[in-house]
Protein backbone atom coordinates (compact mmCIF):
# COMPACT_ATOMS: atom_id res chain seq x y z
CA MET A 1 -114.99 -21.73 218.58
CA ILE A 2 -113.08 -18.80 219.51
CA LEU A 3 -110.60 -16.95 216.92
CA THR A 4 -108.01 -14.75 218.09
CA ILE A 5 -105.92 -12.47 215.91
CA GLU A 6 -103.12 -11.41 218.37
CA GLY A 7 -102.91 -8.05 219.30
CA LEU A 8 -106.22 -6.89 217.95
CA PHE A 9 -109.69 -8.75 219.05
CA VAL A 10 -111.35 -11.87 220.01
CA PHE A 11 -114.16 -13.12 217.89
CA ARG A 12 -116.24 -16.17 219.11
CA ASN A 13 -117.63 -17.18 215.65
CA LEU A 14 -117.23 -16.21 211.78
CA SER A 15 -119.94 -14.21 211.57
CA GLU A 16 -118.91 -11.79 213.97
CA MET A 17 -115.69 -11.00 211.96
CA ASN A 18 -115.36 -7.99 209.81
CA PRO A 19 -113.33 -9.01 206.54
CA LEU A 20 -111.21 -6.08 206.63
CA CYS A 21 -109.73 -6.83 210.18
CA PHE A 22 -108.17 -9.57 208.79
CA LEU A 23 -107.06 -7.73 205.46
CA CYS A 24 -105.10 -5.35 208.07
CA ALA A 25 -103.87 -8.22 210.12
CA GLU A 26 -102.81 -10.75 207.40
CA HIS A 27 -101.61 -7.67 204.60
CA PHE A 28 -100.36 -4.61 206.37
CA THR A 29 -99.37 -5.43 209.96
CA GLY A 30 -98.31 -8.94 209.11
CA PHE A 31 -100.28 -10.16 212.52
CA TYR A 32 -100.97 -13.68 211.79
CA VAL A 33 -104.38 -16.06 212.88
CA LYS A 34 -104.09 -18.53 215.40
CA CYS A 35 -106.97 -21.08 216.05
CA VAL A 36 -107.51 -21.75 220.02
CA LYS A 37 -109.83 -24.54 219.42
CA SER A 38 -109.37 -27.35 216.78
CA LEU A 39 -111.95 -26.80 213.96
CA ALA A 40 -113.60 -29.62 212.16
CA ASN A 41 -113.20 -30.71 208.43
CA LYS A 42 -116.08 -28.46 207.09
CA GLN A 43 -115.27 -25.60 209.17
CA LEU A 44 -111.53 -26.01 207.43
CA ASP A 45 -112.53 -25.89 204.15
CA ILE A 46 -114.82 -22.64 205.05
CA MET A 47 -112.14 -20.95 206.26
CA LYS A 48 -109.70 -21.77 203.28
CA ARG A 49 -112.10 -20.38 201.06
CA PHE A 50 -112.45 -17.68 203.22
CA PHE A 51 -108.63 -16.95 203.49
CA ILE A 52 -108.58 -17.39 199.33
CA SER A 53 -110.70 -14.54 198.92
CA LEU A 54 -109.01 -12.21 201.52
CA ALA A 55 -105.87 -12.97 199.51
CA VAL A 56 -107.35 -11.67 196.02
CA CYS A 57 -108.71 -8.58 198.00
CA SER A 58 -105.58 -8.13 199.37
CA LEU A 59 -103.62 -8.19 196.10
CA LEU A 60 -106.32 -5.92 194.85
CA ALA A 61 -105.89 -3.56 197.31
CA SER A 62 -101.91 -3.08 197.11
CA ALA A 63 -102.15 -2.67 193.31
CA VAL A 64 -104.65 0.40 193.96
CA SER A 65 -102.20 1.22 196.77
CA CYS A 66 -99.38 1.56 194.81
CA GLU A 67 -101.17 2.94 191.96
CA TYR A 68 -101.81 6.03 194.20
CA ASP A 69 -98.80 6.18 196.10
CA ALA A 70 -96.11 5.94 193.68
CA PRO A 71 -95.05 9.49 192.12
CA ASN A 72 -96.18 10.34 188.65
CA ILE A 73 -92.74 9.92 186.83
CA ASN A 74 -91.55 7.30 184.32
CA PHE A 75 -88.18 6.15 185.14
CA THR A 76 -87.61 5.56 181.58
CA THR A 77 -85.40 6.87 179.10
CA THR A 78 -88.75 8.74 178.22
CA VAL A 79 -88.34 11.23 180.70
CA THR A 80 -84.42 12.24 180.00
CA ASN A 81 -85.42 12.64 176.57
CA ASP A 82 -88.22 15.04 177.45
CA TYR A 83 -86.90 18.49 178.56
CA SER A 84 -90.08 19.56 180.02
CA GLU A 85 -90.46 15.80 182.20
CA VAL A 86 -87.00 16.63 183.44
CA ILE A 87 -87.96 20.16 184.90
CA LYS A 88 -91.31 18.62 186.34
CA ALA A 89 -89.00 15.59 188.18
CA LEU A 90 -86.59 18.18 189.42
CA GLN A 91 -89.40 20.34 191.14
CA ASP A 92 -91.31 17.33 192.47
CA GLN A 93 -91.15 16.91 196.10
CA THR A 94 -91.74 13.35 196.45
CA LEU A 95 -88.56 12.61 194.93
CA THR A 96 -85.79 12.03 197.00
CA ILE A 97 -82.20 13.74 195.71
CA ALA A 98 -80.70 10.48 194.49
CA GLU A 99 -83.26 9.72 192.26
CA LYS A 100 -83.43 13.45 190.74
CA LEU A 101 -79.69 13.42 190.78
CA LYS A 102 -80.11 10.16 188.20
CA ILE A 103 -82.49 11.83 186.03
CA LEU A 104 -80.51 14.68 185.62
CA ASN A 105 -77.30 12.78 185.17
CA ASP A 106 -79.29 10.83 182.33
CA ALA A 107 -80.73 13.91 180.80
CA LEU A 108 -77.47 15.66 180.56
CA GLU A 109 -75.99 12.32 178.32
CA ASN A 110 -78.94 12.90 176.25
CA GLN A 111 -77.75 13.98 172.67
CA THR A 112 -80.92 15.38 171.58
CA LEU A 113 -81.26 18.26 174.31
CA THR A 114 -79.84 21.83 173.23
CA ILE A 115 -77.03 23.49 175.10
CA THR A 116 -79.82 25.82 176.54
CA GLN A 117 -82.10 23.06 177.66
CA GLN A 118 -79.29 21.70 179.53
CA VAL A 119 -78.43 25.15 181.13
CA ASP A 120 -81.98 25.45 182.19
CA ILE A 121 -82.07 21.62 183.69
CA LEU A 122 -78.84 22.44 185.65
CA LYS A 123 -80.26 25.90 186.78
CA LYS A 124 -83.59 24.19 188.04
CA ALA A 125 -81.70 21.45 189.57
CA TYR A 126 -79.78 24.34 191.38
CA GLU A 127 -83.05 26.14 192.36
CA ASN A 128 -84.60 22.95 193.90
CA GLY A 129 -81.45 22.08 196.28
CA VAL A 130 -80.25 19.07 193.90
CA LEU A 131 -77.07 20.83 193.27
CA LYS A 132 -74.73 23.17 195.31
CA TYR A 133 -73.03 25.93 193.15
CA GLU A 134 -70.00 24.14 192.76
CA ASP A 135 -71.59 20.84 191.09
CA LEU A 136 -73.96 23.09 188.86
CA PHE A 137 -70.82 24.85 187.33
CA GLY A 138 -68.66 21.79 187.34
CA LYS A 139 -71.30 20.20 185.31
CA LEU A 140 -71.60 22.73 183.07
CA PHE A 141 -68.15 23.26 182.18
CA ASP A 142 -67.81 19.51 181.64
CA GLN A 143 -70.78 19.65 179.09
CA LEU A 144 -69.58 22.97 177.60
CA GLY A 145 -66.15 21.05 176.96
CA LYS A 146 -67.58 18.43 175.09
CA ILE A 147 -69.63 20.61 172.75
CA LYS A 148 -68.60 22.38 169.48
CA GLU A 149 -70.71 25.25 170.15
CA SER A 150 -69.88 28.67 169.29
CA THR A 151 -68.19 31.23 171.80
CA GLU A 152 -71.33 33.21 171.93
CA GLU A 153 -73.25 30.18 172.84
CA LYS A 154 -70.87 28.86 175.62
CA LEU A 155 -70.48 32.73 176.77
CA ASP A 156 -74.61 32.69 177.20
CA ALA A 157 -74.58 29.46 178.96
CA ILE A 158 -72.11 30.53 181.66
CA LYS A 159 -73.95 34.23 182.06
CA GLY A 160 -77.29 32.12 182.83
CA ALA A 161 -75.70 30.28 185.39
CA LEU A 162 -74.24 33.29 186.85
CA GLU A 163 -77.33 35.20 186.89
CA THR A 164 -79.42 32.22 189.05
CA VAL A 165 -76.48 31.54 191.67
CA ASN A 166 -77.05 33.19 194.91
CA GLU A 167 -73.47 33.65 195.68
CA ASP A 168 -71.48 36.73 196.47
CA MET A 169 -68.87 38.20 194.14
CA LYS A 170 -65.91 36.50 195.32
CA THR A 171 -67.32 33.42 194.48
CA LYS A 172 -68.62 34.42 191.01
CA LEU A 173 -65.14 35.68 190.33
CA ASN A 174 -63.85 32.51 190.89
CA VAL A 175 -66.35 30.46 188.54
CA ILE A 176 -65.19 32.90 186.03
CA ASN A 177 -61.42 32.72 186.21
CA GLU A 178 -62.08 28.81 186.42
CA ALA A 179 -63.62 28.72 182.95
CA ILE A 180 -61.14 30.84 181.33
CA LYS A 181 -58.39 28.67 182.78
CA LYS A 182 -60.49 25.61 181.57
CA GLY A 183 -60.52 27.11 178.05
CA ILE A 184 -64.21 27.25 177.92
CA VAL A 185 -64.09 30.94 177.24
CA ASP A 186 -60.99 33.16 176.33
CA VAL A 187 -60.03 36.10 178.32
CA ASN A 188 -61.70 38.44 176.15
CA ALA A 189 -64.95 37.30 177.60
CA LYS A 190 -63.85 38.01 181.11
CA GLN A 191 -65.23 41.31 181.19
CA ASP A 192 -68.54 40.50 180.01
CA LEU A 193 -68.94 38.03 182.05
CA ILE A 194 -68.10 40.26 185.22
CA LEU A 195 -70.46 42.70 184.13
CA THR A 196 -73.16 39.95 184.04
CA ALA A 197 -72.00 38.43 187.83
CA LEU A 198 -71.87 42.44 188.97
CA ASN A 199 -75.07 43.16 187.69
CA SER A 200 -76.61 39.91 189.16
CA LEU A 201 -76.05 41.22 192.58
CA SER A 202 -76.38 45.07 192.20
CA SER A 203 -79.52 47.41 191.78
CA TYR A 204 -77.52 49.58 189.97
CA LYS A 205 -77.22 48.01 186.47
CA PHE A 206 -73.69 48.62 185.14
CA THR A 207 -72.70 49.06 181.11
CA LYS A 208 -69.93 48.21 179.73
CA ASP A 209 -69.22 52.00 178.83
CA GLU A 210 -69.23 52.77 182.51
CA LEU A 211 -66.77 49.73 183.85
CA LEU A 212 -64.33 49.05 181.06
CA GLU A 213 -61.69 46.80 182.68
CA VAL A 214 -61.71 44.80 185.80
CA GLY A 215 -57.98 44.38 186.66
CA ASP A 216 -56.50 41.95 189.83
CA ASP A 217 -56.27 44.85 191.98
CA TYR A 218 -57.71 48.27 189.72
CA LEU A 219 -60.68 48.94 187.79
CA LEU A 220 -61.06 51.28 184.59
CA VAL A 221 -63.81 53.23 184.87
CA HIS A 222 -65.29 56.09 182.38
CA SER A 223 -64.30 59.63 184.00
CA LEU A 224 -68.12 61.14 183.63
CA PHE A 225 -69.46 58.30 185.15
CA TRP A 226 -67.45 58.28 188.10
CA ASN A 227 -67.66 62.38 188.41
CA LYS A 228 -71.34 61.77 188.86
CA ASN A 229 -71.51 58.45 191.02
CA PHE A 230 -68.43 58.49 193.25
CA GLU A 231 -70.53 59.14 196.24
CA ASN A 232 -73.25 56.96 194.98
CA TYR A 233 -73.17 54.16 197.96
CA GLU A 234 -74.97 51.59 195.73
CA VAL A 235 -72.35 51.80 193.09
CA VAL A 236 -69.11 52.25 195.34
CA ARG A 237 -70.69 49.01 197.45
CA ALA A 238 -70.63 46.94 193.98
CA LEU A 239 -67.75 47.91 192.55
CA MET A 240 -65.45 47.54 195.64
CA ASP A 241 -66.59 43.54 195.73
CA LEU A 242 -64.37 43.37 192.73
CA ILE A 243 -60.85 44.07 194.03
CA PRO A 244 -58.80 43.35 196.72
CA ILE A 245 -57.33 46.06 198.94
CA SER A 246 -54.26 47.79 198.38
CA LEU A 247 -51.77 50.50 199.76
CA PRO A 248 -51.27 53.47 198.20
CA ALA A 249 -47.54 53.02 197.56
CA ARG A 250 -44.89 50.23 197.48
CA TYR A 251 -42.70 50.59 200.01
CA LYS A 252 -39.20 49.59 200.51
CA PHE A 253 -36.61 49.27 203.03
CA TRP A 254 -32.97 49.58 202.68
CA TYR A 255 -29.74 49.68 204.51
CA HIS A 256 -27.28 51.93 203.40
CA GLN A 257 -23.34 51.43 203.33
CA SER A 258 -20.75 53.32 201.64
CA SER A 259 -20.69 50.99 198.57
CA GLY A 260 -24.68 51.55 198.13
CA ASN A 261 -28.39 50.50 199.29
CA TYR A 262 -29.01 47.01 199.76
CA PRO A 263 -32.35 45.52 200.66
CA PHE A 264 -32.74 45.57 204.61
CA ASP A 265 -33.39 41.86 204.93
CA GLY A 266 -31.08 40.61 202.07
CA SER A 267 -33.84 40.45 199.46
CA GLU A 268 -36.29 42.69 197.92
CA THR A 269 -39.18 39.90 198.24
CA THR A 270 -38.61 39.98 202.19
CA SER A 271 -37.60 43.87 202.20
CA PHE A 272 -40.11 45.55 199.91
CA TYR A 273 -44.16 45.20 199.82
CA GLY A 274 -47.24 46.71 198.12
CA PRO A 275 -49.22 48.35 196.56
CA ALA A 276 -51.27 44.88 196.28
CA ILE A 277 -52.19 43.32 199.97
CA THR A 278 -51.40 39.80 200.22
CA GLU A 279 -50.44 37.10 202.48
CA GLY A 280 -47.22 37.24 204.34
CA GLY A 281 -44.21 39.54 203.58
CA ILE A 282 -43.22 42.35 206.03
CA PHE A 283 -46.67 44.19 206.13
CA ASN A 284 -48.24 43.53 209.44
CA CYS A 285 -51.75 45.91 209.49
CA VAL A 286 -52.97 49.21 208.97
CA ARG A 287 -53.62 50.82 212.36
CA GLY A 288 -56.24 53.59 212.84
CA ALA A 289 -57.60 53.10 209.46
CA SER A 290 -60.53 55.44 208.64
CA ASP A 291 -63.56 53.86 205.99
CA LEU A 292 -62.01 51.92 203.02
CA PHE A 293 -62.93 53.83 199.46
CA LEU A 294 -62.06 53.58 195.93
CA ALA A 295 -59.23 56.04 195.13
CA ILE A 296 -58.54 57.64 191.85
CA ASP A 297 -55.02 57.92 190.56
CA LEU A 298 -54.04 61.48 190.64
CA GLU A 299 -51.09 63.22 188.94
CA TRP A 300 -47.62 63.36 190.24
CA ASN A 301 -47.10 66.96 189.83
CA SER A 302 -50.60 68.36 189.85
CA GLY A 303 -53.11 66.48 191.79
CA ALA A 304 -55.35 66.26 188.78
CA PRO A 305 -56.81 63.31 187.59
CA HIS A 306 -54.21 61.06 185.64
CA TYR A 307 -56.45 60.03 182.63
CA ARG A 308 -56.12 56.94 180.18
CA SER A 309 -57.70 56.11 177.09
CA VAL A 310 -59.77 53.37 176.32
CA GLY A 311 -61.01 53.25 173.07
CA GLU A 312 -62.94 56.55 172.68
CA TYR A 313 -63.11 57.12 176.59
CA ASN A 314 -61.24 58.86 179.33
CA CYS A 315 -61.12 56.50 182.19
CA TYR A 316 -60.03 56.83 185.57
CA LEU A 317 -57.70 54.04 187.20
CA ILE A 318 -59.08 53.64 190.89
CA LYS A 319 -58.41 51.31 193.56
CA LYS A 320 -59.55 50.06 196.85
CA VAL A 321 -57.70 51.41 199.52
CA TYR A 322 -57.91 53.01 203.22
CA LYS A 323 -58.61 56.69 203.06
CA SER A 324 -56.16 57.63 205.99
CA GLY A 325 -54.26 54.98 208.40
CA TYR A 326 -50.90 53.84 209.64
CA ALA A 327 -49.14 51.06 207.68
CA TYR A 328 -47.21 49.00 210.18
CA PHE A 329 -44.20 47.09 208.82
CA ILE A 330 -42.19 44.43 210.74
CA VAL A 331 -38.72 43.42 208.87
CA ASP A 332 -36.49 40.93 209.79
CA LYS A 333 -32.40 42.02 210.00
CA GLY A 334 -30.39 40.35 207.52
CA ASP A 335 -26.97 39.20 206.73
CA LYS A 336 -25.60 43.20 206.83
CA THR A 337 -27.67 44.10 209.64
CA ALA A 338 -27.84 41.47 212.17
CA GLY A 339 -26.69 42.11 215.46
CA ILE A 340 -26.29 45.93 214.44
CA LYS A 341 -28.53 48.85 216.11
CA VAL A 342 -29.59 51.09 212.94
CA LYS A 343 -31.60 54.22 212.72
CA PRO A 344 -33.11 56.02 209.84
CA MET A 345 -30.73 57.92 207.65
CA SER A 346 -32.65 61.22 207.88
CA SER A 347 -35.43 62.57 209.93
CA ILE A 348 -38.63 60.44 209.31
CA PRO A 349 -42.19 62.31 208.47
CA SER A 350 -44.03 63.65 211.18
CA GLY A 351 -46.68 60.69 212.44
CA ASP A 352 -44.33 58.34 211.44
CA THR A 353 -42.55 55.98 214.03
CA PHE A 354 -39.49 53.55 214.08
CA ASN A 355 -38.07 50.96 216.86
CA ASP A 356 -35.03 48.92 216.79
CA TYR A 357 -35.11 45.37 218.43
CA SER A 358 -32.36 42.89 218.53
CA ASN A 359 -33.45 40.97 215.54
CA VAL A 360 -36.38 43.30 213.70
CA ILE A 361 -36.65 47.13 212.95
CA THR A 362 -40.66 48.00 213.16
CA TYR A 363 -42.14 50.90 211.25
CA GLU A 364 -45.48 52.73 210.96
CA HIS A 365 -46.16 55.09 208.07
CA ARG A 366 -48.90 57.50 208.05
CA PHE A 367 -50.71 57.76 204.81
CA GLU A 368 -53.82 59.83 203.83
CA ALA A 369 -55.79 60.60 200.65
CA GLU A 370 -56.21 63.68 199.19
CA LYS A 371 -58.92 65.63 197.39
CA GLY A 372 -58.47 65.95 193.72
CA ARG A 373 -58.77 69.06 191.52
CA ILE A 374 -61.90 68.20 190.41
CA GLY A 375 -63.52 67.34 193.82
CA VAL A 376 -62.87 63.38 193.73
CA TRP A 377 -60.68 61.86 196.08
CA GLY A 378 -57.27 60.04 195.79
CA TYR A 379 -53.68 59.43 195.91
CA ARG A 380 -50.99 60.54 193.57
CA GLY A 381 -49.18 57.69 191.80
CA LEU A 382 -51.61 55.17 192.57
CA ALA A 383 -50.65 53.00 189.57
CA ASN A 384 -48.80 49.73 189.93
CA GLY A 385 -46.75 49.96 186.34
CA GLN A 386 -48.91 47.81 184.32
CA PHE A 387 -49.60 50.57 181.75
CA PRO A 388 -47.30 52.04 179.71
CA GLY A 389 -45.15 55.40 181.00
CA ASP A 390 -46.96 54.30 184.53
CA LYS A 391 -44.77 55.40 187.44
CA VAL A 392 -45.32 53.25 190.73
CA LYS A 393 -45.40 55.32 193.68
CA GLY A 394 -42.26 54.28 195.96
CA VAL A 395 -41.80 55.26 199.57
CA ASP A 396 -38.19 54.47 200.71
CA PHE A 397 -36.87 53.91 204.23
CA ILE A 398 -33.29 54.03 204.28
CA PHE A 399 -31.11 52.93 207.19
CA VAL A 400 -27.76 53.17 208.72
CA LYS A 401 -25.66 51.85 211.31
CA ASP A 402 -26.44 53.56 214.82
CA GLU A 403 -23.05 54.72 215.70
């Protein structure tokens, strides 16, 4: 008798066969056995008993194989109730992202885990690629919105997440604003969170006595701190990430008639600009710009620093501006100026240029910072009017009909 196992070998009698060949062929590869000659009844009986034995061996081998191949994770409520087991599961490289997400979500729904443990789980999920930063904070804010933890505990939870994520300052500021918008923490916690985010990215560790306030386009810093550090690269680089670029003044374009001055394009929105640089409007670009730097607000008349009091501290207001450059504006002609050729009402400053086209005017204005009386660079009237007594520096460009 010749017994053939398709795709393997040919045996002339049963005594030549290794049972492992049957095991591999029958159980793992799915090959089947085909008899080439008819078998006698006695031989068939022997074969039946042989195959039954092989089947038993196959089952035992399968059990052993499954035992060794399966990850050592218990997918029951025991895992989600056990903080340490959840952490191990999130770090287990044999589990898929889907499996880890299932464990993570089940754990977050578990009422026995503290908020600190939940934050740790979310941080581990982020560190092991299970969550992106936006998913981390989305789930964190959902959890914090459900609980009645104190503001301090919620603040600590967000701080821990901010210290973990490897994202830029702009991203972290957006997260902080989202937390305030959702009511997770109030606006009074903003400065504390910003300080945490700042220190997570900087080798210089700022204190709340040095950086006292972060506004939309300005900072309030302790004057003594800034006098020592305004040329410290690491300090300046870190603080510059906190605020957008500004122009050193607010620029206004007017059309003059005997009855008075009117916004050149018919409205203030389309005729005025600054000091913050925003999308749209009449500002086009800064030409010939020198380096960006952090400028302090100087007094109008003396060039001395303009001090502000925050508690017991004397502070500087500082903004991110170019040290020098040309602010280039393109202003449409409105109802009063349409079809009219115009010119500046008086002589323009040295370095400025003006052009009149059929439907627009262009104006290029030169600006440059000055070194204050104590050696710190800044601009006079750099404030933007948010503090009592502040006067925003305005630069007026007045045009008349060219006759």
